[in-house]
Amino acid sequence: MELEKLVPGMIGAFVGVIGWLFVGIYIQRRQFVRQARMAARAVYFELDVNRVALTIARDFGSFAPLDRTSFERLLPELAMLLSAAELKTIVSAYMAHAGYQQLSAGGADTLPPEVRARALESILTAHEASLETLKRRAFSAEEARALTAPTRPAATPSSRPSIAEADHRAP
């Protein structure tokens, strides 16, 4: 064996192995980030449903249970995507569920309406801050705009003008 043929082959093999290692790490990292974004999206929509329940409780006094299953299941993925401060914002919204449960279990009857409204408003504010954080990190700019755009209800038969009304409107 000739040494001048063996050394370049070994160097080439070493460079090839290191290159494939970096490519594998890059692909794996992208997959983890994609999974973390999908987890953040699921938690976003769970928080949005909870926000609606909180709004109804604040405005009408009707307390529906708040959900936290996506958060509990997907917390490790969220921890990979979010910074510590962002994760604290999300966790604060879910920690506020304990206060909501106390209000729904009869605490609302013993508290003055102003105190109850302020408590629900602070829980709602925590959810809205979490939604904004997740919207920035889990969605593209176009998707985030679509989420904040007002939705138009579908036209129902009663909201469409009748044929007689349409005839009167026509010039």
Protein backbone atom coordinates (compact mmCIF):
# COMPACT_ATOMS: atom_id res chain seq x y z
CA MET A 1 0.00 0.00 0.00
CA GLU A 2 1.10 3.45 -0.83
CA LEU A 3 0.83 6.03 1.89
CA GLU A 4 0.13 8.92 -0.50
CA LYS A 5 -3.07 7.14 -1.68
CA LEU A 6 -4.20 6.09 1.79
CA VAL A 7 -3.94 9.50 3.52
CA PRO A 8 -6.18 11.42 1.05
CA GLY A 9 -8.75 8.65 1.24
CA MET A 10 -8.81 8.82 5.04
CA ILE A 11 -9.08 12.61 4.97
CA GLY A 12 -11.92 12.41 2.44
CA ALA A 13 -13.75 9.82 4.54
CA PHE A 14 -13.36 11.97 7.63
CA VAL A 15 -14.66 15.10 5.85
CA GLY A 16 -17.58 13.09 4.44
CA VAL A 17 -18.55 11.76 7.84
CA ILE A 18 -18.38 15.21 9.44
CA GLY A 19 -20.42 16.67 6.56
CA TRP A 20 -23.16 14.05 6.93
CA LEU A 21 -23.16 14.59 10.67
CA PHE A 22 -23.81 18.33 10.23
CA VAL A 23 -26.51 17.67 7.60
CA GLY A 24 -28.21 15.19 9.93
CA ILE A 25 -28.12 17.62 12.84
CA TYR A 26 -29.52 20.39 10.63
CA ILE A 27 -32.39 18.21 9.38
CA GLN A 28 -33.18 16.98 12.88
CA ARG A 29 -33.18 20.54 14.25
CA ARG A 30 -35.60 21.68 11.53
CA GLN A 31 -37.91 18.76 12.37
CA PHE A 32 -37.88 19.64 16.07
CA VAL A 33 -38.63 23.31 15.33
CA ARG A 34 -41.50 22.29 13.04
CA GLN A 35 -42.93 20.02 15.76
CA ALA A 36 -42.57 22.79 18.34
CA ARG A 37 -44.40 25.26 16.07
CA MET A 38 -47.24 22.77 15.60
CA ALA A 39 -47.41 22.32 19.38
CA ALA A 40 -47.55 26.09 19.85
CA ARG A 41 -50.39 26.28 17.34
CA ALA A 42 -52.38 23.66 19.23
CA VAL A 43 -51.86 25.51 22.52
CA TYR A 44 -52.79 28.79 20.79
CA PHE A 45 -56.20 27.46 19.78
CA GLU A 46 -56.75 25.90 23.21
CA LEU A 47 -56.03 29.30 24.80
CA ASP A 48 -58.36 30.98 22.29
CA VAL A 49 -61.22 28.66 23.29
CA ASN A 50 -60.43 29.39 26.95
CA ARG A 51 -60.46 33.13 26.14
CA VAL A 52 -63.99 32.81 24.80
CA ALA A 53 -65.09 30.96 27.95
CA LEU A 54 -63.50 33.67 30.09
CA THR A 55 -65.25 36.41 28.14
CA ILE A 56 -68.60 34.69 28.62
CA ALA A 57 -67.92 34.27 32.33
CA ARG A 58 -66.97 37.93 32.68
CA ASP A 59 -69.89 39.27 30.64
CA PHE A 60 -72.67 36.85 31.59
CA GLY A 61 -71.56 35.00 34.73
CA SER A 62 -71.73 31.62 33.02
CA PHE A 63 -68.64 29.58 33.91
CA ALA A 64 -67.60 26.84 31.49
CA PRO A 65 -64.62 24.62 32.32
CA LEU A 66 -61.26 25.69 30.91
CA ASP A 67 -59.13 23.17 29.08
CA ARG A 68 -55.41 22.55 29.55
CA THR A 69 -54.79 19.14 27.99
CA SER A 70 -52.83 20.43 24.97
CA PHE A 71 -50.65 22.57 27.21
CA GLU A 72 -49.84 19.71 29.56
CA ARG A 73 -49.11 17.30 26.72
CA LEU A 74 -47.08 19.72 24.60
CA LEU A 75 -45.13 21.66 27.24
CA PRO A 76 -41.76 20.05 26.34
CA GLU A 77 -42.12 21.15 22.70
CA LEU A 78 -43.14 24.65 23.80
CA ALA A 79 -40.08 24.85 26.02
CA MET A 80 -37.90 24.18 23.00
CA LEU A 81 -39.51 26.91 20.87
CA LEU A 82 -40.05 29.71 23.41
CA SER A 83 -37.63 31.72 25.50
CA ALA A 84 -37.96 31.56 29.28
CA ALA A 85 -39.86 34.88 29.43
CA GLU A 86 -42.26 33.78 26.67
CA LEU A 87 -42.83 30.43 28.34
CA LYS A 88 -43.53 32.20 31.64
CA THR A 89 -46.26 34.23 29.89
CA ILE A 90 -47.95 31.03 28.69
CA VAL A 91 -47.58 29.30 32.06
CA SER A 92 -49.06 32.34 33.85
CA ALA A 93 -52.23 32.06 31.78
CA TYR A 94 -52.63 28.42 32.76
CA MET A 95 -51.78 29.10 36.41
CA ALA A 96 -54.65 31.59 36.47
CA HIS A 97 -57.05 28.68 35.89
CA ALA A 98 -56.96 28.00 39.63
CA GLY A 99 -58.47 31.42 40.34
CA TYR A 100 -61.08 30.86 37.64
CA GLN A 101 -62.02 27.53 39.22
CA GLN A 102 -62.44 29.21 42.61
CA LEU A 103 -64.71 31.82 41.05
CA SER A 104 -66.75 29.18 39.25
CA ALA A 105 -67.07 26.99 42.37
CA GLY A 106 -69.01 29.60 44.29
CA GLY A 107 -66.45 32.28 44.90
CA ALA A 108 -68.28 34.46 42.41
CA ASP A 109 -71.35 34.53 44.69
CA THR A 110 -69.40 35.65 47.76
CA LEU A 111 -67.34 38.33 46.01
CA PRO A 112 -68.65 41.73 45.04
CA PRO A 113 -69.32 41.97 41.28
CA GLU A 114 -66.52 44.52 40.83
CA VAL A 115 -63.94 42.19 42.38
CA ARG A 116 -65.17 39.24 40.32
CA ALA A 117 -65.03 41.33 37.14
CA ARG A 118 -61.48 42.51 37.92
CA ALA A 119 -60.35 38.94 38.64
CA LEU A 120 -61.83 37.65 35.39
CA GLU A 121 -60.38 40.60 33.50
CA SER A 122 -56.87 39.84 34.80
CA ILE A 123 -57.20 36.17 33.85
CA LEU A 124 -58.45 37.23 30.42
CA THR A 125 -55.52 39.63 30.05
CA ALA A 126 -53.08 36.80 30.82
CA HIS A 127 -54.71 34.69 28.11
CA GLU A 128 -54.56 37.51 25.58
CA ALA A 129 -50.87 38.10 26.30
CA SER A 130 -50.22 34.40 25.81
CA LEU A 131 -52.14 34.41 22.55
CA GLU A 132 -50.04 37.29 21.25
CA THR A 133 -46.82 35.54 22.25
CA LEU A 134 -47.83 32.32 20.54
CA LYS A 135 -49.10 34.15 17.47
CA ARG A 136 -45.69 35.77 16.97
CA ARG A 137 -43.78 32.52 17.36
CA ALA A 138 -46.05 29.86 15.83
CA PHE A 139 -47.52 31.57 12.78
CA SER A 140 -46.15 33.36 9.75
CA ALA A 141 -46.95 37.06 9.35
CA GLU A 142 -49.67 36.26 6.83
CA GLU A 143 -51.24 33.62 9.08
CA ALA A 144 -51.13 36.01 12.06
CA ARG A 145 -52.95 38.67 10.02
CA ALA A 146 -55.57 36.11 9.04
CA LEU A 147 -56.08 35.18 12.69
CA THR A 148 -56.72 38.78 13.69
CA ALA A 149 -58.93 39.61 10.70
CA PRO A 150 -62.60 39.81 11.64
CA THR A 151 -64.55 36.85 10.42
CA ARG A 152 -67.65 37.47 8.41
CA PRO A 153 -70.59 35.22 9.17
CA ALA A 154 -71.88 33.20 6.26
CA ALA A 155 -75.01 34.58 4.68
CA THR A 156 -78.05 32.84 6.05
CA PRO A 157 -81.31 32.61 4.14
CA SER A 158 -82.90 35.12 6.53
CA SER A 159 -80.08 37.66 6.01
CA ARG A 160 -80.36 37.60 2.21
CA PRO A 161 -82.84 39.99 0.64
CA SER A 162 -85.96 38.39 -0.71
CA ILE A 163 -86.73 38.53 -4.40
CA ALA A 164 -89.31 41.25 -3.76
CA GLU A 165 -86.77 43.34 -1.80
CA ALA A 166 -84.17 42.85 -4.53
CA ASP A 167 -86.69 44.02 -7.14
CA HIS A 168 -87.37 47.20 -5.14
CA ARG A 169 -83.67 47.91 -4.80
CA ALA A 170 -82.95 47.56 -8.52
CA PRO A 171 -83.13 50.88 -10.46
